[in-house]
Structures are given as structure tokens and as C-alpha cells.
Amino acid sequence: MTAGFGLFMWARRVGSVELVEEDDPVFGWRERLLDAFDGLARNAPTAHQGKDERRWTSP
């Protein structure tokens, strides 16, 4: 299960295209994992952030 989330995280880090629609059950699963551990994954730098925003910040 976490290997699948890793693929979503890779896509989130390197691209700016949403892979799943909001009405897809996988969307909810991914959102819950992004918010796990106080949003650690959601706060990871992404490709579509500005250059100055890519610094890693602890939640």
C-alpha cells in the first residue's frame, strides 16, 4: 500500500498534473496519506512551487 503512495508522491514532486479526480476513491486515500503525520507528505516541496518555496519546512 505504501509503495503505491510512493508513486503518487514521486508524481507530485516532479510534475504538476493531477493524476486522479476528486470523485475517485483513490483521491480520498491519497489525501488522507498526505495529511498523515501532521501533513508531512503534503508539506514536502513540489515541482510546481516557486523556487523560493521549495525549502523543506518541518510541520
Protein backbone atom coordinates (compact mmCIF):
# COMPACT_ATOMS: atom_id res chain seq x y z
CA MET A 1 0.00 0.00 0.00
CA THR A 2 2.78 2.48 0.81
CA ALA A 3 4.60 1.62 -2.42
CA GLY A 4 1.55 2.86 -4.31
CA PHE A 5 1.58 6.09 -2.32
CA GLY A 6 5.27 6.49 -3.13
CA LEU A 7 4.41 6.59 -6.82
CA PHE A 8 1.87 9.33 -6.17
CA MET A 9 4.45 11.27 -4.14
CA TRP A 10 7.02 10.98 -6.94
CA ALA A 11 4.47 12.30 -9.43
CA ARG A 12 3.56 15.13 -7.03
CA ARG A 13 7.23 16.08 -6.58
CA VAL A 14 8.22 16.14 -10.26
CA GLY A 15 5.05 17.15 -12.08
CA SER A 16 2.07 19.43 -11.83
CA VAL A 17 -0.64 17.21 -13.34
CA GLU A 18 -3.35 15.81 -11.05
CA LEU A 19 -3.44 12.04 -11.58
CA VAL A 20 -6.85 11.37 -10.03
CA GLU A 21 -10.13 13.28 -9.98
CA GLU A 22 -11.75 14.35 -6.69
CA ASP A 23 -14.63 11.87 -7.15
CA ASP A 24 -12.20 8.93 -7.44
CA PRO A 25 -11.94 6.81 -4.23
CA VAL A 26 -8.16 6.84 -4.62
CA PHE A 27 -8.23 10.63 -4.27
CA GLY A 28 -9.56 10.36 -0.70
CA TRP A 29 -6.98 7.69 0.18
CA ARG A 30 -4.16 9.85 -1.18
CA GLU A 31 -5.45 12.93 0.67
CA ARG A 32 -5.54 11.02 3.97
CA LEU A 33 -1.94 9.88 3.49
CA LEU A 34 -0.84 13.41 2.55
CA ASP A 35 -2.31 14.60 5.86
CA ALA A 36 -0.87 11.74 7.96
CA PHE A 37 1.86 12.59 10.48
CA ASP A 38 0.77 16.22 10.72
CA GLY A 39 0.86 16.70 6.95
CA LEU A 40 4.48 15.62 6.48
CA ALA A 41 3.93 14.45 2.88
CA ARG A 42 1.71 17.43 1.97
CA ASN A 43 4.43 19.83 3.14
CA ALA A 44 7.16 18.21 1.04
CA PRO A 45 8.44 20.50 -1.73
CA THR A 46 6.80 20.02 -5.13
CA ALA A 47 7.83 20.83 -8.68
CA HIS A 48 5.09 23.42 -9.17
CA GLN A 49 6.15 25.56 -6.21
CA GLY A 50 8.24 28.64 -6.83
CA LYS A 51 11.99 28.27 -6.44
CA ASP A 52 12.00 30.08 -3.07
CA GLU A 53 9.16 27.91 -1.75
CA ARG A 54 10.97 24.58 -2.26
CA ARG A 55 12.75 24.61 1.06
CA TRP A 56 11.79 21.75 3.34
CA THR A 57 9.91 23.00 6.38
CA SER A 58 9.02 20.94 9.39
CA PRO A 59 5.28 20.92 10.12
